[in-house]
């Protein structure tokens, strides 16, 4: 909610490219420079663009949840969940 509701909204005031790319990079960096980084970039781009087009943070939240769902069984199988 912070990334889409606050950061994306603030950056979109400076243009679509800065808003989408900027908030995506901040989102991905917040997830860390690790194996998750590329997936965080993809998820960030998708949720940012969905938020921008729909105007609803809840649409982006639902997409984020759906994007993360497959990680739960993987983490459990790896003994991390």
N, C-alpha and C. Protein backbone atom coordinates (compact mmCIF):
# COMPACT_ATOMS: atom_id res chain seq x y z
N UNK A 1 0.82 -1.19 0.00
CA UNK A 1 0.00 0.00 0.00
C UNK A 1 0.86 1.25 0.00
N UNK A 2 2.00 1.16 0.67
CA UNK A 2 2.91 2.31 0.69
C UNK A 2 3.46 2.57 -0.71
N UNK A 3 3.85 1.50 -1.39
CA UNK A 3 4.47 1.69 -2.71
C UNK A 3 3.49 2.25 -3.72
N UNK A 4 2.30 1.67 -3.80
CA UNK A 4 1.33 2.15 -4.79
C UNK A 4 0.61 3.40 -4.30
N UNK A 5 0.13 3.39 -3.08
CA UNK A 5 -0.68 4.50 -2.59
C UNK A 5 0.09 5.78 -2.36
N UNK A 6 1.33 5.68 -1.91
CA UNK A 6 2.10 6.88 -1.58
C UNK A 6 3.19 7.15 -2.62
N UNK A 7 4.09 6.20 -2.80
CA UNK A 7 5.26 6.42 -3.66
C UNK A 7 4.86 6.57 -5.12
N UNK A 8 4.05 5.63 -5.63
CA UNK A 8 3.65 5.71 -7.03
C UNK A 8 2.85 6.98 -7.30
N UNK A 9 1.92 7.29 -6.43
CA UNK A 9 1.11 8.49 -6.60
C UNK A 9 2.00 9.73 -6.65
N UNK A 10 2.97 9.81 -5.75
CA UNK A 10 3.87 10.97 -5.73
C UNK A 10 4.70 11.04 -7.00
N UNK A 11 5.24 9.90 -7.45
CA UNK A 11 6.10 9.91 -8.63
C UNK A 11 5.33 10.11 -9.92
N UNK A 12 4.08 9.67 -9.98
CA UNK A 12 3.27 9.87 -11.18
C UNK A 12 3.01 11.34 -11.47
N UNK A 13 3.13 12.18 -10.47
CA UNK A 13 2.99 13.63 -10.68
C UNK A 13 4.07 14.18 -11.59
N UNK A 14 5.15 13.41 -11.73
CA UNK A 14 6.29 13.83 -12.55
C UNK A 14 6.33 13.10 -13.89
N UNK A 15 5.26 12.39 -14.21
CA UNK A 15 5.18 11.68 -15.48
C UNK A 15 5.01 10.19 -15.30
N UNK A 16 4.47 9.56 -16.33
CA UNK A 16 4.18 8.13 -16.29
C UNK A 16 5.46 7.30 -16.17
N UNK A 17 6.46 7.62 -16.97
CA UNK A 17 7.69 6.83 -16.97
C UNK A 17 8.36 6.89 -15.60
N UNK A 18 8.53 8.08 -15.07
CA UNK A 18 9.16 8.21 -13.74
C UNK A 18 8.31 7.52 -12.68
N UNK A 19 7.01 7.68 -12.78
CA UNK A 19 6.13 7.06 -11.79
C UNK A 19 6.20 5.55 -11.80
N UNK A 20 6.11 4.98 -12.98
CA UNK A 20 6.10 3.51 -13.10
C UNK A 20 7.49 2.94 -12.83
N UNK A 21 8.49 3.43 -13.51
CA UNK A 21 9.84 2.88 -13.37
C UNK A 21 10.40 3.19 -11.98
N UNK A 22 10.22 4.41 -11.53
CA UNK A 22 10.76 4.81 -10.22
C UNK A 22 10.18 3.99 -9.08
N UNK A 23 8.86 3.88 -9.04
CA UNK A 23 8.26 3.12 -7.94
C UNK A 23 8.56 1.63 -8.06
N UNK A 24 8.69 1.13 -9.29
CA UNK A 24 9.06 -0.27 -9.48
C UNK A 24 10.46 -0.54 -8.92
N UNK A 25 11.40 0.32 -9.22
CA UNK A 25 12.77 0.13 -8.72
C UNK A 25 12.83 0.24 -7.20
N UNK A 26 12.11 1.18 -6.64
CA UNK A 26 12.10 1.31 -5.18
C UNK A 26 11.50 0.05 -4.55
N UNK A 27 10.41 -0.44 -5.15
CA UNK A 27 9.76 -1.67 -4.67
C UNK A 27 10.73 -2.86 -4.74
N UNK A 28 11.41 -3.01 -5.86
CA UNK A 28 12.32 -4.14 -6.04
C UNK A 28 13.52 -4.04 -5.10
N UNK A 29 14.07 -2.85 -4.95
CA UNK A 29 15.21 -2.67 -4.04
C UNK A 29 14.81 -2.96 -2.60
N UNK A 30 13.57 -2.60 -2.24
CA UNK A 30 13.10 -2.89 -0.88
C UNK A 30 13.02 -4.40 -0.62
N UNK A 31 12.89 -5.19 -1.68
CA UNK A 31 12.89 -6.64 -1.53
C UNK A 31 14.30 -7.22 -1.47
N UNK A 32 15.29 -6.40 -1.74
CA UNK A 32 16.68 -6.81 -1.62
C UNK A 32 17.32 -7.20 -2.94
N UNK A 33 18.62 -7.09 -2.98
CA UNK A 33 19.39 -7.52 -4.15
C UNK A 33 19.72 -9.00 -3.96
N UNK A 34 18.79 -9.84 -4.35
CA UNK A 34 18.95 -11.28 -4.19
C UNK A 34 18.19 -11.98 -5.31
N UNK A 35 17.92 -13.25 -5.14
CA UNK A 35 17.24 -14.02 -6.18
C UNK A 35 15.82 -13.52 -6.44
N UNK A 36 15.24 -12.83 -5.49
CA UNK A 36 13.87 -12.31 -5.61
C UNK A 36 13.81 -11.04 -6.45
N UNK A 37 14.93 -10.34 -6.59
CA UNK A 37 14.96 -9.04 -7.26
C UNK A 37 14.29 -9.04 -8.64
N UNK A 38 14.63 -9.96 -9.55
CA UNK A 38 13.97 -9.93 -10.87
C UNK A 38 12.45 -10.11 -10.78
N UNK A 39 12.00 -11.01 -9.92
CA UNK A 39 10.56 -11.22 -9.75
C UNK A 39 9.91 -9.98 -9.15
N UNK A 40 10.61 -9.30 -8.25
CA UNK A 40 10.07 -8.07 -7.66
C UNK A 40 9.95 -6.97 -8.70
N UNK A 41 10.87 -6.94 -9.66
CA UNK A 41 10.78 -5.96 -10.75
C UNK A 41 9.53 -6.25 -11.59
N UNK A 42 9.33 -7.50 -11.95
CA UNK A 42 8.17 -7.87 -12.76
C UNK A 42 6.87 -7.58 -12.00
N UNK A 43 6.81 -7.99 -10.75
CA UNK A 43 5.62 -7.73 -9.93
C UNK A 43 5.40 -6.23 -9.74
N UNK A 44 6.49 -5.51 -9.54
CA UNK A 44 6.38 -4.06 -9.38
C UNK A 44 5.85 -3.37 -10.62
N UNK A 45 6.36 -3.77 -11.78
CA UNK A 45 5.87 -3.19 -13.03
C UNK A 45 4.38 -3.50 -13.23
N UNK A 46 4.02 -4.75 -12.98
CA UNK A 46 2.63 -5.16 -13.19
C UNK A 46 1.69 -4.42 -12.23
N UNK A 47 2.02 -4.41 -10.95
CA UNK A 47 1.12 -3.78 -9.99
C UNK A 47 1.07 -2.27 -10.14
N UNK A 48 2.19 -1.68 -10.51
CA UNK A 48 2.19 -0.23 -10.73
C UNK A 48 1.32 0.14 -11.91
N UNK A 49 1.47 -0.58 -13.00
CA UNK A 49 0.68 -0.27 -14.19
C UNK A 49 -0.80 -0.56 -13.96
N UNK A 50 -1.10 -1.62 -13.24
CA UNK A 50 -2.50 -1.93 -12.93
C UNK A 50 -3.08 -0.84 -12.04
N UNK A 51 -2.32 -0.39 -11.06
CA UNK A 51 -2.78 0.71 -10.20
C UNK A 51 -2.99 1.98 -11.03
N UNK A 52 -2.05 2.28 -11.89
CA UNK A 52 -2.15 3.50 -12.71
C UNK A 52 -3.38 3.47 -13.61
N UNK A 53 -3.62 2.35 -14.22
CA UNK A 53 -4.76 2.26 -15.16
C UNK A 53 -6.11 2.17 -14.46
N UNK A 54 -6.15 1.47 -13.33
CA UNK A 54 -7.43 1.27 -12.65
C UNK A 54 -7.75 2.42 -11.69
N UNK A 55 -6.69 3.05 -11.15
CA UNK A 55 -6.90 4.09 -10.15
C UNK A 55 -7.25 3.53 -8.78
N UNK A 56 -7.20 2.21 -8.66
CA UNK A 56 -7.55 1.56 -7.39
C UNK A 56 -6.36 0.80 -6.82
N UNK A 57 -6.03 1.10 -5.58
CA UNK A 57 -4.95 0.39 -4.93
C UNK A 57 -5.34 -1.08 -4.70
N UNK A 58 -6.64 -1.34 -4.54
CA UNK A 58 -7.09 -2.70 -4.24
C UNK A 58 -6.89 -3.65 -5.40
N UNK A 59 -7.00 -3.18 -6.61
CA UNK A 59 -6.71 -4.02 -7.77
C UNK A 59 -5.25 -4.45 -7.74
N UNK A 60 -4.36 -3.52 -7.43
CA UNK A 60 -2.94 -3.84 -7.34
C UNK A 60 -2.65 -4.79 -6.18
N UNK A 61 -3.35 -4.64 -5.08
CA UNK A 61 -3.17 -5.53 -3.92
C UNK A 61 -3.57 -6.95 -4.29
N UNK A 62 -4.69 -7.11 -4.97
CA UNK A 62 -5.15 -8.44 -5.38
C UNK A 62 -4.14 -9.08 -6.33
N UNK A 63 -3.62 -8.33 -7.29
CA UNK A 63 -2.61 -8.86 -8.22
C UNK A 63 -1.35 -9.27 -7.44
N UNK A 64 -0.94 -8.47 -6.48
CA UNK A 64 0.24 -8.78 -5.67
C UNK A 64 0.03 -10.09 -4.91
N UNK A 65 -1.13 -10.26 -4.32
CA UNK A 65 -1.44 -11.50 -3.58
C UNK A 65 -1.40 -12.70 -4.51
N UNK A 66 -2.05 -12.58 -5.66
CA UNK A 66 -2.07 -13.69 -6.63
C UNK A 66 -0.66 -14.01 -7.11
N UNK A 67 0.15 -12.97 -7.34
CA UNK A 67 1.53 -13.16 -7.78
C UNK A 67 2.34 -13.92 -6.72
N UNK A 68 2.06 -13.65 -5.44
CA UNK A 68 2.82 -14.27 -4.36
C UNK A 68 2.32 -15.66 -3.96
N UNK A 69 1.10 -16.02 -4.32
CA UNK A 69 0.54 -17.31 -3.91
C UNK A 69 1.41 -18.52 -4.24
N UNK A 70 2.00 -18.61 -5.43
CA UNK A 70 2.82 -19.79 -5.72
C UNK A 70 4.06 -19.92 -4.83
N UNK A 71 4.47 -18.86 -4.19
CA UNK A 71 5.67 -18.94 -3.36
C UNK A 71 5.42 -19.69 -2.05
N UNK A 72 4.17 -19.76 -1.63
CA UNK A 72 3.87 -20.42 -0.34
C UNK A 72 4.22 -21.90 -0.38
N UNK A 73 3.74 -22.69 -1.33
CA UNK A 73 4.14 -24.11 -1.33
C UNK A 73 5.63 -24.31 -1.56
N UNK A 74 6.24 -23.43 -2.32
CA UNK A 74 7.69 -23.54 -2.54
C UNK A 74 8.44 -23.34 -1.24
N UNK A 75 8.05 -22.33 -0.48
CA UNK A 75 8.71 -22.06 0.81
C UNK A 75 8.48 -23.21 1.79
N UNK A 76 7.27 -23.75 1.81
CA UNK A 76 6.97 -24.89 2.69
C UNK A 76 7.82 -26.10 2.29
N UNK A 77 7.89 -26.37 1.00
CA UNK A 77 8.68 -27.52 0.52
C UNK A 77 10.16 -27.34 0.81
N UNK A 78 10.62 -26.10 0.81
CA UNK A 78 12.04 -25.82 1.08
C UNK A 78 12.31 -25.73 2.58
N UNK A 79 11.28 -25.88 3.40
CA UNK A 79 11.47 -25.80 4.85
C UNK A 79 11.63 -24.38 5.36
N UNK A 80 11.17 -23.41 4.58
CA UNK A 80 11.32 -22.01 4.98
C UNK A 80 10.00 -21.40 5.46
N UNK A 81 8.91 -22.16 5.38
CA UNK A 81 7.60 -21.59 5.71
C UNK A 81 6.92 -22.30 6.83
